[in-house]
Protein backbone atom coordinates (compact mmCIF):
# COMPACT_ATOMS: atom_id res chain seq x y z
CA UNK A 1 0.22 1.42 21.14
CA UNK A 2 -2.68 -0.81 22.20
CA UNK A 3 -5.36 0.40 24.66
CA UNK A 4 -6.76 -2.09 27.08
CA UNK A 5 -10.19 -3.43 26.13
CA UNK A 6 -12.29 -6.19 27.64
CA UNK A 7 -14.21 -8.91 25.96
CA UNK A 8 -17.63 -7.27 26.30
CA UNK A 9 -16.38 -3.93 24.79
CA UNK A 10 -14.85 -5.78 21.81
CA UNK A 11 -18.07 -7.81 21.19
CA UNK A 12 -20.23 -4.64 21.38
CA UNK A 13 -18.00 -2.87 18.78
CA UNK A 14 -18.13 -5.91 16.45
CA UNK A 15 -21.83 -6.18 16.80
CA UNK A 16 -22.40 -2.47 16.11
CA UNK A 17 -20.67 -3.06 12.77
CA UNK A 18 -22.59 -6.21 11.88
CA UNK A 19 -26.08 -6.33 10.57
CA UNK A 20 -26.57 -10.01 9.76
CA UNK A 21 -27.91 -13.16 11.32
CA UNK A 22 -26.90 -14.10 14.82
CA UNK A 23 -23.47 -15.73 14.92
CA UNK A 24 -21.61 -17.28 17.82
CA UNK A 25 -19.05 -15.38 19.82
CA UNK A 26 -17.07 -18.38 20.84
CA UNK A 27 -15.40 -21.04 18.66
CA UNK A 28 -17.52 -24.12 17.92
CA UNK A 29 -17.60 -26.93 15.36
CA UNK A 30 -20.45 -25.57 13.17
CA UNK A 31 -20.14 -21.85 12.62
CA UNK A 32 -17.52 -19.07 12.35
CA UNK A 33 -17.46 -16.65 15.20
CA UNK A 34 -18.24 -12.99 14.74
CA UNK A 35 -14.54 -12.16 14.92
CA UNK A 36 -13.77 -14.91 12.33
CA UNK A 37 -16.31 -13.45 9.98
CA UNK A 38 -14.75 -10.00 10.06
CA UNK A 39 -11.27 -11.50 9.56
CA UNK A 40 -12.48 -13.74 6.70
CA UNK A 41 -14.23 -10.78 5.01
CA UNK A 42 -11.00 -8.63 5.27
CA UNK A 43 -8.67 -11.39 4.03
CA UNK A 44 -10.90 -12.84 1.38
CA UNK A 45 -12.88 -9.82 0.05
CA UNK A 46 -10.81 -6.84 1.25
CA UNK A 47 -13.86 -4.72 2.20
CA UNK A 48 -17.33 -4.42 3.51
CA UNK A 49 -20.02 -6.92 2.73
CA UNK A 50 -22.33 -9.69 4.00
CA UNK A 51 -23.70 -7.41 6.70
CA UNK A 52 -20.31 -6.20 7.91
CA UNK A 53 -19.18 -2.55 7.66
CA UNK A 54 -15.94 -0.89 8.58
CA UNK A 55 -14.24 -4.25 7.89
CA UNK A 56 -10.74 -2.83 7.51
CA UNK A 57 -11.09 -0.98 10.90
CA UNK A 58 -12.50 -4.08 12.55
CA UNK A 59 -9.62 -6.24 11.21
CA UNK A 60 -7.13 -3.73 12.64
CA UNK A 61 -8.99 -3.71 15.99
CA UNK A 62 -9.05 -7.52 16.04
CA UNK A 63 -5.33 -7.64 15.17
CA UNK A 64 -4.56 -5.32 18.02
CA UNK A 65 -6.57 -7.43 20.45
CA UNK A 66 -5.68 -10.85 19.00
CA UNK A 67 -4.53 -12.25 22.39
CA UNK A 68 -7.89 -11.23 23.98
CA UNK A 69 -9.65 -13.20 21.20
CA UNK A 70 -7.46 -16.26 21.81
CA UNK A 71 -7.83 -16.09 25.57
CA UNK A 72 -11.60 -15.91 25.25
CA UNK A 73 -11.99 -18.64 22.57
CA UNK A 74 -13.28 -16.07 20.01
CA UNK A 75 -10.82 -16.73 17.21
CA UNK A 76 -10.67 -20.09 15.33
CA UNK A 77 -7.20 -21.57 15.20
CA UNK A 78 -7.35 -21.77 11.33
CA UNK A 79 -9.43 -19.97 8.85
CA UNK A 80 -10.51 -20.76 5.31
CA UNK A 81 -12.66 -19.18 2.63
CA UNK A 82 -15.67 -20.97 1.11
CA UNK A 83 -13.45 -22.59 -1.46
CA UNK A 84 -11.15 -24.07 1.08
CA UNK A 85 -8.28 -21.66 0.64
CA UNK A 86 -6.49 -21.13 3.89
CA UNK A 87 -6.69 -17.52 5.11
CA UNK A 88 -4.90 -17.88 8.44
CA UNK A 89 -3.07 -20.52 10.34
CA UNK A 90 -2.40 -21.19 14.08
CA UNK A 91 -4.22 -17.96 15.08
CA UNK A 92 -1.85 -16.02 12.85
CA UNK A 93 -4.26 -13.77 10.98
CA UNK A 94 -1.45 -12.08 9.17
CA UNK A 95 -0.06 -15.44 7.87
CA UNK A 96 -1.46 -14.94 4.40
CA UNK A 97 0.46 -11.68 3.98
CA UNK A 98 3.73 -13.56 4.58
CA UNK A 99 3.14 -16.54 2.26
CA UNK A 100 5.39 -16.76 -0.76
CA UNK A 101 3.57 -18.59 -3.54
CA UNK A 102 5.74 -20.48 -5.99
CA UNK A 103 3.16 -19.94 -8.71
CA UNK A 104 1.97 -16.90 -10.49
CA UNK A 105 -1.03 -16.43 -12.78
CA UNK A 106 -0.56 -15.86 -16.45
CA UNK A 107 -3.51 -14.85 -18.60
CA UNK A 108 -3.02 -16.13 -22.08
CA UNK A 109 -3.42 -13.80 -25.03
CA UNK A 110 -4.86 -16.52 -27.26
CA UNK A 111 -8.51 -15.70 -27.74
CA UNK A 112 -9.41 -19.35 -28.06
CA UNK A 113 -8.58 -19.96 -24.43
CA UNK A 114 -11.17 -19.06 -21.74
CA UNK A 115 -9.83 -15.97 -20.12
CA UNK A 116 -11.75 -16.69 -17.00
CA UNK A 117 -9.45 -19.71 -16.31
CA UNK A 118 -5.92 -18.57 -15.81
CA UNK A 119 -3.02 -20.80 -16.59
CA UNK A 120 -0.65 -21.53 -13.75
CA UNK A 121 3.09 -21.41 -14.43
CA UNK A 122 6.06 -21.87 -12.16
CA UNK A 123 8.02 -18.66 -11.52
CA UNK A 124 11.58 -18.47 -12.71
CA UNK A 125 14.13 -19.11 -9.91
């Protein structure tokens, strides 16, 4: 069950778990917001890093208060990692968890093939 929280309380919690450069609070055309950064860190790296701590807890908090983020323009509509892979879509930060990929990765056993480059194969239907 969600407890009511206001924008300033949420921002203060996020800032207390972030020790990096100043980042915007509201969506703009140049930089990810502080909320975006925590969500990207959780979805892309699955843990603390880049000045962010308690990433999983912050992701859960942001999930719980997603409408507050949207109402206050603190969450980008779509999110991507630095390689361009989509992490969320239309403010749905759990979108990635529901995506069914038609491909799976197969690591070849042949030692002549670079193991760092997986081969993509279609899954059996």
